[in-house]
Amino acid sequence: MVKDEDLVCIPKKPVWCGVCNSPTFAEDLRSIRDWEGAYSLIKVGESVEYPIPNGHLDDKGSVIPEFKTLFSIRQTRNERGRCLCCGGLQYADIGSPETGLIHEECGGKFYRQYSIHSCLYKTSAYKVYSKDGFQIGRLKQHSDIEGVMLVNECGYE
């Protein structure tokens, strides 16, 4: 079981994972200096895109409690986040459309494309990770206890 207030969204970035051998996402932890710079801007009411986009909010500082939670997690971690599919660290960032990655079979170049869509997810589509970045399971459903979610414990698929 996990309490609702213990669920936080970790920033993520698109990567090509060498273990998964496919495009996926990894935690986007960045340097402590980046986090401190963002915190300085949030405190004075400025918009930031990382680690918590707040430009759409009237009160830019309303993200401070969530920021502090994320920052406390970040301070205990290495700057290199884990692949969210396998937990590995062997990946290449593909943040720009020109990825620089070459397909090993044909020599073709990979380009990142964008897709704009909206969708609904079942609760079970949300994966739950430890503060160390390891997958511990998927959200299962709300429990009989208010403010608590059940977690179906499982490892990487």
Protein backbone atom coordinates (compact mmCIF):
# COMPACT_ATOMS: atom_id res chain seq x y z
CA MET A 1 0.00 0.00 0.00
CA VAL A 2 1.11 3.54 -0.63
CA LYS A 3 -0.40 6.80 0.60
CA ASP A 4 -1.53 9.31 -2.02
CA GLU A 5 0.80 11.96 -0.58
CA ASP A 6 3.77 9.60 -1.07
CA LEU A 7 3.16 9.42 -4.82
CA VAL A 8 5.25 12.00 -6.69
CA CYS A 9 5.97 12.41 -10.39
CA ILE A 10 9.67 12.18 -11.13
CA PRO A 11 10.82 14.20 -14.16
CA LYS A 12 11.61 11.97 -17.13
CA LYS A 13 13.39 12.31 -20.45
CA PRO A 14 13.36 10.36 -23.73
CA VAL A 15 16.29 7.96 -24.12
CA TRP A 16 17.46 5.04 -26.23
CA CYS A 17 18.09 2.23 -23.78
CA GLY A 18 20.85 -0.22 -24.68
CA VAL A 19 19.41 -2.90 -22.40
CA CYS A 20 15.83 -2.56 -23.71
CA ASN A 21 17.21 -1.88 -27.23
CA SER A 22 14.41 0.59 -27.84
CA PRO A 23 13.31 4.16 -27.21
CA THR A 24 11.91 4.67 -23.72
CA PHE A 25 12.13 7.08 -20.78
CA ALA A 26 14.61 7.52 -17.95
CA GLU A 27 14.51 9.61 -14.81
CA ASP A 28 15.68 13.16 -15.54
CA LEU A 29 17.59 13.98 -12.35
CA ARG A 30 20.08 16.61 -13.63
CA SER A 31 22.65 18.36 -11.48
CA ILE A 32 22.03 19.77 -8.00
CA ARG A 33 22.92 23.19 -9.44
CA ASP A 34 19.99 22.93 -11.92
CA TRP A 35 17.63 22.10 -9.03
CA GLU A 36 18.92 24.99 -6.91
CA GLY A 37 18.51 27.40 -9.83
CA ALA A 38 14.94 26.24 -10.40
CA TYR A 39 14.14 26.60 -6.69
CA SER A 40 15.45 30.19 -6.68
CA LEU A 41 13.16 31.05 -9.60
CA ILE A 42 10.11 29.31 -8.08
CA LYS A 43 10.60 31.13 -4.75
CA VAL A 44 10.33 34.51 -6.49
CA GLY A 45 7.28 33.47 -8.52
CA GLU A 46 8.97 32.77 -11.85
CA SER A 47 8.01 30.06 -14.34
CA VAL A 48 10.20 26.98 -14.77
CA GLU A 49 9.97 23.95 -17.04
CA TYR A 50 12.17 21.72 -14.88
CA PRO A 51 11.70 19.84 -12.60
CA ILE A 52 8.02 20.78 -12.21
CA PRO A 53 6.50 22.87 -15.00
CA ASN A 54 4.60 25.69 -13.31
CA GLY A 55 4.02 28.15 -16.16
CA HIS A 56 0.33 27.25 -16.39
CA LEU A 57 -0.30 28.03 -12.71
CA ASP A 58 -1.44 31.40 -11.36
CA ASP A 59 0.56 30.85 -8.17
CA LYS A 60 3.99 29.74 -9.45
CA GLY A 61 5.15 29.06 -5.88
CA SER A 62 2.39 26.53 -5.22
CA VAL A 63 4.74 23.77 -6.41
CA ILE A 64 7.25 24.39 -3.58
CA PRO A 65 6.04 21.52 -1.33
CA GLU A 66 6.25 19.01 -4.23
CA PHE A 67 9.60 20.50 -5.27
CA LYS A 68 11.02 19.98 -1.77
CA THR A 69 9.90 16.34 -1.80
CA LEU A 70 11.52 15.74 -5.20
CA PHE A 71 14.67 17.62 -4.21
CA SER A 72 15.10 15.52 -1.06
CA ILE A 73 14.95 12.41 -3.26
CA ARG A 74 17.36 13.94 -5.80
CA GLN A 75 19.92 14.77 -3.10
CA THR A 76 20.30 11.08 -2.26
CA ARG A 77 20.71 9.98 -5.88
CA ASN A 78 23.36 10.04 -8.58
CA GLU A 79 22.78 12.51 -11.42
CA ARG A 80 22.22 9.66 -13.89
CA GLY A 81 18.66 8.42 -13.52
CA ARG A 82 17.50 4.90 -14.26
CA CYS A 83 15.65 3.61 -17.32
CA LEU A 84 12.00 3.41 -16.31
CA CYS A 85 11.47 0.15 -18.21
CA CYS A 86 14.43 -1.97 -17.08
CA GLY A 87 16.16 0.01 -14.31
CA GLY A 88 19.40 0.11 -16.27
CA LEU A 89 21.88 2.94 -16.68
CA GLN A 90 23.04 2.08 -20.22
CA TYR A 91 21.15 4.62 -22.31
CA ALA A 92 21.69 7.61 -24.58
CA ASP A 93 19.67 10.80 -24.29
CA ILE A 94 17.53 11.57 -27.33
CA GLY A 95 16.29 14.96 -26.15
CA SER A 96 16.69 16.73 -29.48
CA PRO A 97 15.14 15.64 -32.77
CA GLU A 98 18.68 15.04 -34.14
CA THR A 99 19.61 12.21 -31.78
CA GLY A 100 23.02 11.35 -33.19
CA LEU A 101 22.16 7.66 -32.91
CA ILE A 102 22.94 5.33 -35.82
CA HIS A 103 21.05 2.08 -36.44
CA GLU A 104 23.58 -0.76 -36.15
CA GLU A 105 21.97 -2.86 -38.93
CA CYS A 106 21.57 -0.37 -41.78
CA GLY A 107 23.50 2.73 -40.71
CA GLY A 108 20.37 4.91 -40.80
CA LYS A 109 19.95 7.80 -38.37
CA PHE A 110 17.31 7.98 -35.66
CA TYR A 111 15.20 11.12 -35.43
CA ARG A 112 12.83 11.87 -32.61
CA GLN A 113 9.29 12.56 -33.80
CA TYR A 114 6.57 14.25 -31.82
CA SER A 115 3.01 13.10 -31.31
CA ILE A 116 0.32 15.21 -29.72
CA HIS A 117 -2.59 13.25 -28.31
CA SER A 118 -4.52 12.69 -25.15
CA CYS A 119 -5.45 9.41 -23.61
CA LEU A 120 -6.85 7.88 -20.47
CA TYR A 121 -4.95 5.31 -18.47
CA LYS A 122 -6.21 2.61 -16.18
CA THR A 123 -4.77 2.86 -12.69
CA SER A 124 -2.70 -0.26 -13.40
CA ALA A 125 -0.82 1.60 -16.15
CA TYR A 126 1.01 3.68 -13.52
CA LYS A 127 4.28 2.16 -12.35
CA VAL A 128 5.56 2.76 -8.83
CA TYR A 129 9.28 3.16 -8.11
CA SER A 130 11.35 3.29 -4.93
CA LYS A 131 13.24 6.46 -4.03
CA ASP A 132 16.30 4.67 -5.43
CA GLY A 133 14.65 4.45 -8.85
CA PHE A 134 13.83 0.74 -8.89
CA GLN A 135 10.39 -0.41 -10.02
CA ILE A 136 8.42 -1.99 -7.18
CA GLY A 137 5.10 -2.52 -8.93
CA ARG A 138 2.01 -0.97 -10.46
CA LEU A 139 -0.83 0.90 -8.86
CA LYS A 140 -3.66 -1.54 -8.42
CA GLN A 141 -6.66 0.33 -7.05
CA HIS A 142 -7.84 2.51 -4.21
CA SER A 143 -7.95 0.64 -0.92
CA ASP A 144 -10.72 0.74 1.63
CA ILE A 145 -8.57 3.22 3.57
CA GLU A 146 -9.11 6.75 2.29
CA GLY A 147 -6.04 8.28 0.66
CA VAL A 148 -4.27 4.93 0.18
CA MET A 149 -3.58 3.06 -3.06
CA LEU A 150 -2.85 -0.66 -3.33
CA VAL A 151 0.28 -1.66 -5.22
CA ASN A 152 0.56 -4.87 -7.23
CA GLU A 153 4.19 -5.72 -6.53
CA CYS A 154 6.10 -6.85 -9.59
CA GLY A 155 9.53 -6.31 -11.08
CA TYR A 156 10.55 -5.14 -14.50
CA GLU A 157 8.74 -6.74 -17.42
